[in-house]
Each structure stands twice: as C-alpha cells, then as structure tokens.
N, C-alpha and C. Protein backbone atom coordinates (compact mmCIF):
# COMPACT_ATOMS: atom_id res chain seq x y z
N MET A 1 -1.46 17.37 -30.12
CA MET A 1 -1.83 15.97 -30.22
C MET A 1 -0.66 15.17 -30.78
N LEU A 2 -0.94 13.96 -31.17
CA LEU A 2 0.11 13.06 -31.63
C LEU A 2 0.60 13.42 -33.02
N ASN A 3 1.87 13.14 -33.28
CA ASN A 3 2.43 13.27 -34.61
C ASN A 3 1.91 12.10 -35.43
N SER A 4 1.17 12.37 -36.52
CA SER A 4 0.53 11.29 -37.27
C SER A 4 1.54 10.37 -37.94
N LYS A 5 2.79 10.77 -38.07
CA LYS A 5 3.79 9.91 -38.68
C LYS A 5 4.36 8.91 -37.69
N GLN A 6 4.16 9.13 -36.39
CA GLN A 6 4.79 8.26 -35.41
C GLN A 6 3.86 7.60 -34.41
N PRO A 7 2.54 7.51 -34.67
CA PRO A 7 1.75 6.83 -33.65
C PRO A 7 2.04 5.34 -33.66
N MET A 8 2.16 4.78 -32.49
CA MET A 8 2.35 3.34 -32.41
C MET A 8 1.63 2.83 -31.18
N VAL A 9 1.14 1.64 -31.31
CA VAL A 9 0.44 1.03 -30.18
C VAL A 9 1.49 0.43 -29.26
N ILE A 10 1.50 0.89 -28.02
CA ILE A 10 2.42 0.35 -27.03
C ILE A 10 1.75 -0.82 -26.33
N GLU A 11 0.57 -0.59 -25.80
CA GLU A 11 -0.18 -1.63 -25.10
C GLU A 11 -1.62 -1.50 -25.51
N GLU A 12 -2.30 -2.62 -25.56
CA GLU A 12 -3.72 -2.57 -25.87
C GLU A 12 -4.48 -3.33 -24.79
N PHE A 13 -5.46 -2.68 -24.21
CA PHE A 13 -6.33 -3.30 -23.23
C PHE A 13 -7.71 -3.34 -23.87
N SER A 14 -8.67 -3.93 -23.22
CA SER A 14 -9.98 -4.07 -23.85
C SER A 14 -10.68 -2.73 -24.06
N THR A 15 -10.42 -1.72 -23.22
CA THR A 15 -11.15 -0.46 -23.37
C THR A 15 -10.26 0.75 -23.53
N ILE A 16 -8.98 0.58 -23.46
CA ILE A 16 -8.08 1.73 -23.53
C ILE A 16 -6.87 1.36 -24.37
N ILE A 17 -6.42 2.28 -25.16
CA ILE A 17 -5.25 2.00 -25.98
C ILE A 17 -4.20 3.06 -25.71
N CYS A 18 -3.03 2.63 -25.25
CA CYS A 18 -1.91 3.54 -25.08
C CYS A 18 -1.27 3.66 -26.46
N ILE A 19 -1.27 4.85 -27.02
CA ILE A 19 -0.84 4.98 -28.41
C ILE A 19 0.48 5.69 -28.58
N GLY A 20 1.18 5.95 -27.55
CA GLY A 20 2.49 6.55 -27.73
C GLY A 20 2.81 7.58 -26.67
N ARG A 21 3.75 8.42 -27.03
CA ARG A 21 4.18 9.47 -26.12
C ARG A 21 4.19 10.78 -26.88
N GLU A 22 3.82 11.81 -26.18
CA GLU A 22 3.88 13.15 -26.74
C GLU A 22 4.75 13.97 -25.80
N LYS A 23 5.85 14.45 -26.31
CA LYS A 23 6.80 15.22 -25.50
C LYS A 23 7.21 14.41 -24.26
N GLY A 24 7.38 13.12 -24.44
CA GLY A 24 7.82 12.25 -23.35
C GLY A 24 6.74 11.82 -22.39
N VAL A 25 5.51 12.30 -22.58
CA VAL A 25 4.40 11.95 -21.69
C VAL A 25 3.55 10.88 -22.37
N PRO A 26 3.25 9.76 -21.68
CA PRO A 26 2.40 8.74 -22.28
C PRO A 26 1.00 9.29 -22.57
N VAL A 27 0.45 8.90 -23.71
CA VAL A 27 -0.90 9.31 -24.08
C VAL A 27 -1.71 8.06 -24.41
N MET A 28 -3.02 8.19 -24.26
CA MET A 28 -3.90 7.08 -24.59
C MET A 28 -5.19 7.61 -25.19
N ARG A 29 -5.78 6.77 -26.04
CA ARG A 29 -7.06 7.12 -26.63
C ARG A 29 -8.16 6.45 -25.81
N VAL A 30 -9.16 7.23 -25.45
CA VAL A 30 -10.27 6.72 -24.66
C VAL A 30 -11.20 5.94 -25.58
N ALA A 31 -11.58 4.74 -25.15
CA ALA A 31 -12.49 3.90 -25.93
C ALA A 31 -13.85 4.57 -26.06
N ASP A 32 -14.54 4.28 -27.15
CA ASP A 32 -15.84 4.90 -27.42
C ASP A 32 -16.87 4.63 -26.32
N GLU A 33 -16.76 3.49 -25.64
CA GLU A 33 -17.72 3.17 -24.57
C GLU A 33 -17.65 4.16 -23.41
N PHE A 34 -16.56 4.87 -23.31
CA PHE A 34 -16.40 5.85 -22.23
C PHE A 34 -16.69 7.28 -22.68
N ALA A 35 -17.05 7.43 -23.96
CA ALA A 35 -17.37 8.76 -24.49
C ALA A 35 -18.76 9.17 -24.00
N HIS A 36 -18.81 10.24 -23.25
CA HIS A 36 -20.06 10.81 -22.75
C HIS A 36 -19.79 12.30 -22.56
N PRO A 37 -20.74 13.16 -22.91
CA PRO A 37 -20.48 14.61 -22.84
C PRO A 37 -19.93 15.11 -21.50
N LEU A 38 -20.26 14.46 -20.41
CA LEU A 38 -19.73 14.91 -19.12
C LEU A 38 -18.29 14.46 -18.89
N PHE A 39 -17.86 13.39 -19.53
CA PHE A 39 -16.57 12.80 -19.17
C PHE A 39 -15.52 12.90 -20.29
N PHE A 40 -15.78 12.32 -21.44
CA PHE A 40 -14.80 12.31 -22.53
C PHE A 40 -15.50 12.55 -23.86
N ARG A 41 -14.76 13.19 -24.79
CA ARG A 41 -15.23 13.31 -26.16
C ARG A 41 -14.89 12.01 -26.90
N GLU A 42 -15.63 11.71 -27.93
CA GLU A 42 -15.36 10.52 -28.72
C GLU A 42 -13.98 10.64 -29.36
N GLY A 43 -13.17 9.60 -29.22
CA GLY A 43 -11.82 9.58 -29.78
C GLY A 43 -10.82 10.44 -29.03
N GLU A 44 -11.18 10.92 -27.86
CA GLU A 44 -10.30 11.81 -27.10
C GLU A 44 -8.98 11.12 -26.75
N VAL A 45 -7.91 11.86 -26.86
CA VAL A 45 -6.58 11.38 -26.47
C VAL A 45 -6.19 12.16 -25.23
N ILE A 46 -5.81 11.44 -24.18
CA ILE A 46 -5.45 12.11 -22.93
C ILE A 46 -4.04 11.76 -22.52
N GLU A 47 -3.43 12.68 -21.81
CA GLU A 47 -2.07 12.47 -21.29
C GLU A 47 -2.16 11.79 -19.93
N ILE A 48 -1.27 10.84 -19.72
CA ILE A 48 -1.15 10.20 -18.41
C ILE A 48 0.17 10.69 -17.85
N LYS A 49 0.08 11.68 -17.00
CA LYS A 49 1.31 12.26 -16.45
C LYS A 49 1.87 11.33 -15.39
N ASP A 50 2.09 11.78 -14.22
CA ASP A 50 2.67 10.94 -13.17
C ASP A 50 1.63 9.99 -12.61
N GLU A 51 1.89 8.69 -12.75
CA GLU A 51 0.96 7.73 -12.16
C GLU A 51 1.10 7.79 -10.65
N GLN A 52 -0.04 7.83 -9.98
CA GLN A 52 -0.07 7.94 -8.52
C GLN A 52 -0.71 6.69 -7.93
N PRO A 53 -0.48 6.45 -6.64
CA PRO A 53 -1.06 5.25 -6.02
C PRO A 53 -2.59 5.30 -6.00
N PHE A 54 -3.17 4.12 -5.93
CA PHE A 54 -4.62 3.99 -5.87
C PHE A 54 -5.16 4.77 -4.67
N PRO A 55 -6.22 5.50 -4.83
CA PRO A 55 -7.12 5.71 -5.96
C PRO A 55 -6.92 7.06 -6.65
N HIS A 56 -5.79 7.69 -6.44
CA HIS A 56 -5.61 9.10 -6.82
C HIS A 56 -5.63 9.39 -8.32
N MET A 57 -5.40 8.40 -9.16
CA MET A 57 -5.48 8.65 -10.60
C MET A 57 -6.91 8.98 -11.02
N MET A 58 -7.89 8.57 -10.22
CA MET A 58 -9.29 8.88 -10.52
C MET A 58 -9.55 10.39 -10.47
N GLN A 59 -8.72 11.12 -9.75
CA GLN A 59 -8.89 12.57 -9.67
C GLN A 59 -8.47 13.24 -10.97
N HIS A 60 -7.66 12.56 -11.76
CA HIS A 60 -7.11 13.14 -12.99
C HIS A 60 -7.72 12.55 -14.26
N VAL A 61 -8.09 11.27 -14.20
CA VAL A 61 -8.67 10.59 -15.37
C VAL A 61 -9.90 9.82 -14.89
N TYR A 62 -11.07 10.22 -15.38
CA TYR A 62 -12.30 9.53 -15.00
C TYR A 62 -12.18 8.05 -15.34
N PHE A 63 -12.63 7.18 -14.45
CA PHE A 63 -12.70 5.73 -14.67
C PHE A 63 -11.35 5.11 -15.01
N TYR A 64 -10.28 5.71 -14.52
CA TYR A 64 -8.92 5.26 -14.86
C TYR A 64 -8.72 3.77 -14.60
N TYR A 65 -9.08 3.31 -13.44
CA TYR A 65 -8.81 1.91 -13.07
C TYR A 65 -9.71 0.94 -13.83
N ASP A 66 -10.88 1.40 -14.26
CA ASP A 66 -11.75 0.56 -15.08
C ASP A 66 -11.19 0.46 -16.50
N MET A 67 -10.56 1.52 -16.97
CA MET A 67 -10.04 1.52 -18.33
C MET A 67 -8.73 0.77 -18.48
N ILE A 68 -7.84 0.86 -17.49
CA ILE A 68 -6.53 0.24 -17.68
C ILE A 68 -6.53 -1.26 -17.40
N GLU A 69 -7.47 -1.72 -16.60
CA GLU A 69 -7.59 -3.14 -16.28
C GLU A 69 -6.26 -3.75 -15.82
N ARG A 70 -5.65 -3.12 -14.87
CA ARG A 70 -4.39 -3.62 -14.32
C ARG A 70 -4.65 -4.15 -12.92
N GLU A 71 -4.12 -5.32 -12.64
CA GLU A 71 -4.29 -5.92 -11.31
C GLU A 71 -3.50 -5.14 -10.28
N PRO A 72 -3.96 -5.09 -9.05
CA PRO A 72 -5.19 -5.70 -8.53
C PRO A 72 -6.42 -4.91 -8.97
N PHE A 73 -7.46 -5.63 -9.34
CA PHE A 73 -8.69 -4.99 -9.80
C PHE A 73 -9.48 -4.46 -8.61
N PRO A 74 -9.89 -3.19 -8.64
CA PRO A 74 -10.61 -2.63 -7.49
C PRO A 74 -11.96 -3.31 -7.24
N TRP A 75 -12.58 -3.84 -8.28
CA TRP A 75 -13.87 -4.50 -8.10
C TRP A 75 -13.73 -5.88 -7.46
N ASP A 76 -12.51 -6.40 -7.38
CA ASP A 76 -12.27 -7.68 -6.71
C ASP A 76 -11.99 -7.52 -5.22
N ASP A 77 -11.71 -6.29 -4.77
CA ASP A 77 -11.40 -6.05 -3.36
C ASP A 77 -12.09 -4.78 -2.89
N ILE A 78 -13.42 -4.87 -2.75
CA ILE A 78 -14.18 -3.67 -2.38
C ILE A 78 -13.88 -3.21 -0.97
N GLY A 79 -13.35 -4.10 -0.15
CA GLY A 79 -12.98 -3.71 1.21
C GLY A 79 -11.84 -2.71 1.24
N ARG A 80 -11.05 -2.69 0.19
CA ARG A 80 -9.95 -1.74 0.08
C ARG A 80 -10.32 -0.58 -0.84
N SER A 81 -10.96 -0.90 -1.96
CA SER A 81 -11.18 0.13 -2.98
C SER A 81 -12.29 1.12 -2.65
N ILE A 82 -13.43 0.64 -2.20
CA ILE A 82 -14.55 1.57 -1.98
C ILE A 82 -14.26 2.54 -0.84
N PRO A 83 -13.73 2.12 0.31
CA PRO A 83 -13.39 3.12 1.34
C PRO A 83 -12.38 4.17 0.84
N ALA A 84 -11.45 3.76 -0.02
CA ALA A 84 -10.47 4.71 -0.56
C ALA A 84 -11.16 5.74 -1.45
N VAL A 85 -12.11 5.30 -2.27
CA VAL A 85 -12.84 6.23 -3.13
C VAL A 85 -13.77 7.10 -2.29
N LEU A 86 -14.34 6.56 -1.25
CA LEU A 86 -15.18 7.37 -0.36
C LEU A 86 -14.37 8.49 0.30
N GLN A 87 -13.09 8.25 0.54
CA GLN A 87 -12.22 9.30 1.07
C GLN A 87 -12.03 10.41 0.02
N LEU A 88 -11.87 10.02 -1.25
CA LEU A 88 -11.79 11.03 -2.32
C LEU A 88 -13.08 11.85 -2.36
N TRP A 89 -14.21 11.16 -2.25
CA TRP A 89 -15.50 11.84 -2.24
C TRP A 89 -15.57 12.84 -1.10
N SER A 90 -15.08 12.46 0.07
CA SER A 90 -15.11 13.35 1.23
C SER A 90 -14.36 14.65 0.93
N GLU A 91 -13.24 14.53 0.24
CA GLU A 91 -12.46 15.73 -0.13
C GLU A 91 -13.22 16.58 -1.14
N GLU A 92 -13.82 15.94 -2.14
CA GLU A 92 -14.60 16.68 -3.15
C GLU A 92 -15.81 17.34 -2.49
N LYS A 93 -16.43 16.64 -1.56
CA LYS A 93 -17.63 17.15 -0.89
C LYS A 93 -17.33 18.46 -0.17
N GLU A 94 -16.19 18.52 0.50
CA GLU A 94 -15.80 19.78 1.18
C GLU A 94 -15.68 20.92 0.18
N GLN A 95 -15.03 20.64 -0.94
CA GLN A 95 -14.87 21.67 -1.97
C GLN A 95 -16.24 22.09 -2.53
N LEU A 96 -17.10 21.12 -2.75
CA LEU A 96 -18.43 21.41 -3.30
C LEU A 96 -19.28 22.21 -2.31
N GLU A 97 -19.19 21.90 -1.05
CA GLU A 97 -19.93 22.68 -0.04
C GLU A 97 -19.53 24.14 -0.10
N SER A 98 -18.23 24.37 -0.27
CA SER A 98 -17.73 25.74 -0.37
C SER A 98 -18.25 26.42 -1.64
N CYS A 99 -18.22 25.71 -2.77
CA CYS A 99 -18.71 26.27 -4.03
C CYS A 99 -20.18 26.65 -3.94
N PHE A 100 -20.98 25.73 -3.41
CA PHE A 100 -22.42 26.00 -3.34
C PHE A 100 -22.75 27.04 -2.28
N ALA A 101 -21.96 27.15 -1.23
CA ALA A 101 -22.17 28.21 -0.24
C ALA A 101 -21.96 29.59 -0.88
N ARG A 102 -21.04 29.65 -1.84
CA ARG A 102 -20.78 30.90 -2.58
C ARG A 102 -21.69 31.05 -3.80
N ARG A 103 -22.56 30.05 -4.03
CA ARG A 103 -23.43 30.01 -5.22
C ARG A 103 -22.62 30.07 -6.51
N ASP A 104 -21.50 29.38 -6.50
CA ASP A 104 -20.59 29.37 -7.64
C ASP A 104 -20.74 28.06 -8.42
N ARG A 105 -21.77 28.01 -9.26
CA ARG A 105 -22.05 26.80 -10.04
C ARG A 105 -20.91 26.46 -10.98
N ARG A 106 -20.30 27.47 -11.54
CA ARG A 106 -19.21 27.22 -12.50
C ARG A 106 -18.07 26.45 -11.83
N SER A 107 -17.68 26.86 -10.64
CA SER A 107 -16.59 26.17 -9.92
C SER A 107 -17.02 24.79 -9.42
N ALA A 108 -18.31 24.60 -9.24
CA ALA A 108 -18.81 23.32 -8.74
C ALA A 108 -18.86 22.25 -9.83
N ARG A 109 -18.92 22.65 -11.08
CA ARG A 109 -19.12 21.69 -12.17
C ARG A 109 -18.05 20.60 -12.23
N ALA A 110 -16.79 20.96 -12.26
CA ALA A 110 -15.72 19.96 -12.40
C ALA A 110 -15.69 18.97 -11.22
N PRO A 111 -15.73 19.45 -9.96
CA PRO A 111 -15.76 18.47 -8.87
C PRO A 111 -17.04 17.63 -8.83
N MET A 112 -18.16 18.18 -9.29
CA MET A 112 -19.39 17.38 -9.35
C MET A 112 -19.24 16.24 -10.36
N ILE A 113 -18.66 16.54 -11.51
CA ILE A 113 -18.47 15.50 -12.53
C ILE A 113 -17.48 14.45 -12.03
N ARG A 114 -16.42 14.90 -11.40
CA ARG A 114 -15.44 13.96 -10.83
C ARG A 114 -16.11 13.06 -9.80
N ALA A 115 -16.90 13.67 -8.91
CA ALA A 115 -17.58 12.90 -7.87
C ALA A 115 -18.60 11.93 -8.48
N LEU A 116 -19.26 12.35 -9.53
CA LEU A 116 -20.20 11.47 -10.22
C LEU A 116 -19.47 10.25 -10.78
N SER A 117 -18.28 10.46 -11.32
CA SER A 117 -17.49 9.32 -11.83
C SER A 117 -17.08 8.40 -10.68
N TYR A 118 -16.77 8.97 -9.52
CA TYR A 118 -16.44 8.14 -8.35
C TYR A 118 -17.65 7.27 -7.97
N LEU A 119 -18.83 7.89 -7.96
CA LEU A 119 -20.03 7.16 -7.57
C LEU A 119 -20.31 6.01 -8.53
N LEU A 120 -20.21 6.29 -9.83
CA LEU A 120 -20.45 5.23 -10.81
C LEU A 120 -19.47 4.08 -10.61
N SER A 121 -18.20 4.40 -10.41
CA SER A 121 -17.21 3.34 -10.17
C SER A 121 -17.58 2.54 -8.92
N CYS A 122 -17.93 3.23 -7.85
CA CYS A 122 -18.30 2.52 -6.61
C CYS A 122 -19.49 1.60 -6.82
N LEU A 123 -20.49 2.05 -7.56
CA LEU A 123 -21.67 1.21 -7.79
C LEU A 123 -21.31 -0.06 -8.55
N PHE A 124 -20.48 0.07 -9.57
CA PHE A 124 -20.07 -1.11 -10.33
C PHE A 124 -19.19 -2.02 -9.48
N TRP A 125 -18.21 -1.44 -8.80
CA TRP A 125 -17.29 -2.25 -7.99
C TRP A 125 -18.04 -2.97 -6.88
N LEU A 126 -19.03 -2.31 -6.30
CA LEU A 126 -19.86 -2.93 -5.26
C LEU A 126 -20.49 -4.22 -5.78
N ASN A 127 -20.80 -4.24 -7.06
CA ASN A 127 -21.42 -5.40 -7.70
C ASN A 127 -20.39 -6.35 -8.32
N GLY A 128 -19.11 -6.13 -8.01
CA GLY A 128 -18.06 -7.02 -8.51
C GLY A 128 -17.76 -6.86 -9.98
N LYS A 129 -18.08 -5.70 -10.54
CA LYS A 129 -17.88 -5.45 -11.97
C LYS A 129 -17.07 -4.18 -12.17
N LYS A 130 -16.48 -4.07 -13.34
CA LYS A 130 -15.83 -2.82 -13.71
C LYS A 130 -16.80 -1.98 -14.53
N VAL A 131 -16.57 -0.70 -14.58
CA VAL A 131 -17.36 0.16 -15.44
C VAL A 131 -16.95 -0.18 -16.87
N THR A 132 -17.92 -0.52 -17.71
CA THR A 132 -17.60 -0.89 -19.08
C THR A 132 -18.20 0.05 -20.11
N ASN A 133 -19.27 0.75 -19.75
CA ASN A 133 -19.94 1.56 -20.75
C ASN A 133 -20.61 2.76 -20.10
N VAL A 134 -19.98 3.90 -20.22
CA VAL A 134 -20.53 5.14 -19.66
C VAL A 134 -21.51 5.76 -20.65
N ARG A 135 -21.31 5.48 -21.93
CA ARG A 135 -22.19 6.02 -22.96
C ARG A 135 -23.64 5.59 -22.71
N HIS A 136 -23.83 4.33 -22.32
CA HIS A 136 -25.17 3.79 -22.04
C HIS A 136 -25.28 3.45 -20.55
N TRP A 137 -24.95 4.42 -19.72
CA TRP A 137 -24.89 4.18 -18.28
C TRP A 137 -26.23 3.75 -17.70
N GLN A 138 -27.35 4.24 -18.26
CA GLN A 138 -28.66 3.91 -17.70
C GLN A 138 -28.90 2.40 -17.73
N GLU A 139 -28.63 1.77 -18.88
CA GLU A 139 -28.84 0.33 -19.00
C GLU A 139 -27.89 -0.43 -18.07
N GLU A 140 -26.66 0.05 -17.99
CA GLU A 140 -25.65 -0.62 -17.16
C GLU A 140 -26.02 -0.54 -15.67
N ILE A 141 -26.41 0.64 -15.22
CA ILE A 141 -26.80 0.80 -13.81
C ILE A 141 -28.09 0.04 -13.53
N GLY A 142 -29.02 0.09 -14.46
CA GLY A 142 -30.29 -0.61 -14.29
C GLY A 142 -30.12 -2.11 -14.08
N ALA A 143 -29.07 -2.68 -14.66
CA ALA A 143 -28.82 -4.13 -14.55
C ALA A 143 -28.10 -4.52 -13.26
N LEU A 144 -27.63 -3.54 -12.49
CA LEU A 144 -26.90 -3.87 -11.26
C LEU A 144 -27.87 -4.28 -10.16
N PRO A 145 -27.61 -5.41 -9.49
CA PRO A 145 -28.52 -5.83 -8.42
C PRO A 145 -28.41 -4.98 -7.15
N LEU A 146 -27.20 -4.50 -6.83
CA LEU A 146 -27.00 -3.68 -5.62
C LEU A 146 -26.85 -2.22 -6.02
N LYS A 147 -27.84 -1.43 -5.64
CA LYS A 147 -27.81 0.01 -5.91
C LYS A 147 -28.82 0.69 -5.00
N PRO A 148 -28.66 1.98 -4.76
CA PRO A 148 -29.62 2.70 -3.93
C PRO A 148 -31.03 2.67 -4.53
N VAL A 149 -32.03 2.80 -3.67
CA VAL A 149 -33.42 2.84 -4.11
C VAL A 149 -33.60 4.04 -5.04
N ASN A 150 -34.29 3.82 -6.15
CA ASN A 150 -34.52 4.86 -7.16
C ASN A 150 -33.21 5.47 -7.66
N GLY A 151 -32.15 4.71 -7.60
CA GLY A 151 -30.83 5.22 -7.99
C GLY A 151 -30.77 5.71 -9.42
N LEU A 152 -31.41 4.98 -10.33
CA LEU A 152 -31.38 5.35 -11.74
C LEU A 152 -32.01 6.72 -11.98
N GLU A 153 -33.18 6.94 -11.40
CA GLU A 153 -33.87 8.22 -11.57
C GLU A 153 -33.08 9.37 -10.94
N ARG A 154 -32.51 9.11 -9.79
CA ARG A 154 -31.75 10.14 -9.09
C ARG A 154 -30.46 10.47 -9.85
N LEU A 155 -29.82 9.44 -10.39
CA LEU A 155 -28.62 9.69 -11.21
C LEU A 155 -28.97 10.47 -12.47
N GLN A 156 -30.11 10.16 -13.08
CA GLN A 156 -30.55 10.89 -14.28
C GLN A 156 -30.67 12.38 -13.97
N PHE A 157 -31.23 12.71 -12.83
CA PHE A 157 -31.36 14.11 -12.41
C PHE A 157 -29.98 14.76 -12.32
N ILE A 158 -29.02 14.05 -11.72
CA ILE A 158 -27.66 14.60 -11.57
C ILE A 158 -26.99 14.76 -12.93
N PHE A 159 -27.12 13.77 -13.79
CA PHE A 159 -26.52 13.85 -15.13
C PHE A 159 -27.06 15.05 -15.90
N GLU A 160 -28.34 15.33 -15.76
CA GLU A 160 -28.97 16.42 -16.52
C GLU A 160 -28.64 17.80 -15.95
N ARG A 161 -28.39 17.89 -14.64
CA ARG A 161 -28.14 19.19 -13.99
C ARG A 161 -27.01 19.04 -12.99
N CYS A 162 -25.83 18.73 -13.48
CA CYS A 162 -24.75 18.36 -12.56
C CYS A 162 -24.17 19.52 -11.76
N ASP A 163 -24.53 20.75 -12.10
CA ASP A 163 -23.93 21.88 -11.38
C ASP A 163 -24.92 22.63 -10.49
N VAL A 164 -26.04 22.00 -10.15
CA VAL A 164 -27.00 22.68 -9.27
C VAL A 164 -26.97 22.07 -7.88
N TYR A 165 -27.37 22.85 -6.92
CA TYR A 165 -27.31 22.44 -5.51
C TYR A 165 -28.12 21.17 -5.24
N HIS A 166 -29.30 21.07 -5.84
CA HIS A 166 -30.14 19.89 -5.59
C HIS A 166 -29.46 18.61 -6.10
N SER A 167 -28.68 18.72 -7.15
CA SER A 167 -27.91 17.57 -7.64
C SER A 167 -26.83 17.19 -6.63
N PHE A 168 -26.23 18.19 -6.03
CA PHE A 168 -25.23 17.93 -4.99
C PHE A 168 -25.86 17.18 -3.81
N ILE A 169 -27.05 17.60 -3.41
CA ILE A 169 -27.75 16.93 -2.30
C ILE A 169 -28.05 15.48 -2.68
N GLN A 170 -28.53 15.27 -3.90
CA GLN A 170 -28.80 13.90 -4.36
C GLN A 170 -27.51 13.07 -4.38
N LEU A 171 -26.43 13.67 -4.84
CA LEU A 171 -25.15 12.96 -4.90
C LEU A 171 -24.69 12.57 -3.49
N CYS A 172 -24.84 13.48 -2.54
CA CYS A 172 -24.48 13.18 -1.15
C CYS A 172 -25.28 11.99 -0.63
N GLU A 173 -26.59 12.01 -0.89
CA GLU A 173 -27.45 10.92 -0.42
C GLU A 173 -27.10 9.60 -1.10
N LEU A 174 -26.82 9.65 -2.40
CA LEU A 174 -26.46 8.43 -3.13
C LEU A 174 -25.14 7.85 -2.61
N PHE A 175 -24.19 8.72 -2.31
CA PHE A 175 -22.92 8.23 -1.74
C PHE A 175 -23.16 7.59 -0.38
N GLU A 176 -23.99 8.22 0.44
CA GLU A 176 -24.27 7.68 1.77
C GLU A 176 -24.93 6.29 1.66
N GLU A 177 -25.90 6.18 0.77
CA GLU A 177 -26.59 4.90 0.59
C GLU A 177 -25.67 3.84 -0.02
N THR A 178 -24.83 4.25 -0.96
CA THR A 178 -23.89 3.31 -1.58
C THR A 178 -22.88 2.83 -0.56
N ALA A 179 -22.42 3.73 0.31
CA ALA A 179 -21.48 3.33 1.36
C ALA A 179 -22.12 2.30 2.29
N LYS A 180 -23.39 2.51 2.66
CA LYS A 180 -24.08 1.53 3.52
C LYS A 180 -24.17 0.18 2.83
N LEU A 181 -24.53 0.19 1.54
CA LEU A 181 -24.61 -1.07 0.78
C LEU A 181 -23.24 -1.74 0.72
N ALA A 182 -22.20 -0.93 0.53
CA ALA A 182 -20.85 -1.48 0.42
C ALA A 182 -20.41 -2.12 1.73
N TYR A 183 -20.64 -1.45 2.84
CA TYR A 183 -20.22 -2.01 4.13
C TYR A 183 -21.03 -3.26 4.47
N LYS A 184 -22.30 -3.28 4.09
CA LYS A 184 -23.11 -4.48 4.29
C LYS A 184 -22.54 -5.63 3.45
N GLN A 185 -22.21 -5.34 2.19
CA GLN A 185 -21.66 -6.37 1.30
C GLN A 185 -20.30 -6.86 1.80
N MET A 186 -19.49 -5.96 2.33
CA MET A 186 -18.19 -6.35 2.88
C MET A 186 -18.37 -7.30 4.06
N ALA A 187 -19.37 -7.02 4.91
CA ALA A 187 -19.65 -7.90 6.05
C ALA A 187 -20.11 -9.28 5.58
N ILE A 188 -20.95 -9.30 4.56
CA ILE A 188 -21.41 -10.58 3.99
C ILE A 188 -20.23 -11.35 3.41
N ASN A 189 -19.38 -10.65 2.65
CA ASN A 189 -18.20 -11.30 2.06
C ASN A 189 -17.28 -11.87 3.13
N LYS A 190 -17.13 -11.12 4.22
CA LYS A 190 -16.25 -11.56 5.31
C LYS A 190 -16.81 -12.82 5.97
N ARG A 191 -18.13 -12.82 6.21
CA ARG A 191 -18.77 -13.99 6.81
C ARG A 191 -18.66 -15.22 5.91
N MET A 192 -18.80 -15.01 4.61
CA MET A 192 -18.75 -16.13 3.66
C MET A 192 -17.35 -16.69 3.49
N SER A 193 -16.34 -15.87 3.76
CA SER A 193 -14.95 -16.33 3.58
C SER A 193 -14.45 -17.13 4.77
N ARG A 194 -15.23 -17.19 5.84
CA ARG A 194 -14.81 -17.95 7.04
C ARG A 194 -14.99 -19.43 6.84
C-alpha cells in the first residue's frame, strides 16, 4: 500500500481521490459510496495501471468512468457508450457460458460481478445519470424511470447469488431488455434532435 509519510492528493473528483503513486503506478482510494462486498472494500486503494480507451477500463476497475468523471461523460452519449459496454458484455457472456457448461461456479464469479457492474452502469447511463452509490443500489435503481420490468427484484436475486446459473440467465435477460430500452431511447433522442 501507500507509504504513510508520502501520501498526497494529486486530483480530487467528487467520488474518487487519486492519492499518489506506488512504485510509479497511480493509485486511488475508492469513495465509500462505491463500497459494496461484491465490488470494493471500504477505503480500498486500487492501482490504475495502463489507462485504455473507452470502455476497456471497466474490465479492470468497476464503475471506472462513473468514478473519474472525466469528459466525455458516457451517460451524455448513450449512442456511443451503451453499445460499447454491450460488446464487453458479449465477451463476458461467452466466458460465462463456458464456465457454467463446466459447472465451474468459482471461475464464473469474477466475470459475473464484472458483468453486473456493466449492467448497473448501462442502467444509469440509459437514464442520463452516472452511478453514484453502489452501497445503496436498490434505492438508486428503484428511482430510475427506465429499467427492465421487475428489474429491482431480479437484480436482488443476482446480487445474492452471483455465481449460480439462474443468476446468469437473469443477467442475460436483463441485458437484453436494457439493450432494447437503450435502442428505443436512442431513437427517441435522435428524433428529438432533428
């Protein structure tokens, strides 16, 4: 971790604090709002190795683009951001199909959690918002006007049993429904911009 004699704040954003470098690698402390047993520990410090083009940092740091708040904001351009995240989901889905075909729940856990973070980001971005609070995700998702039918209950099932096959099926269905909502919203946005 960090040398306690040399921590310094380099940049401060509303939800993420870059607090220095460790062995030349930038590190940041995750804000408490993002602390959730599936994603981050409270006060966790993570390394930001090589920054990659959008949306690939999401594969390494959950909710990366929501935490750094750097323009262009993905929730402002869902026509670009959501299809890119759906492509990441497609890659994770292939890996998960293989894990569940082998009945390997242990190997499925990490990609399921990653995919769950993708879905949460997509749901917020679809509504023109950034993810602000994963700790109280139920209230946050409940307040979103655009979401799949019974989305909250289905997400609760996935959160509670993220490494079982039935959760994978629910996640697939939620992604499919979210994609439909996103494409419908993109069409509405396009019509309104004319």
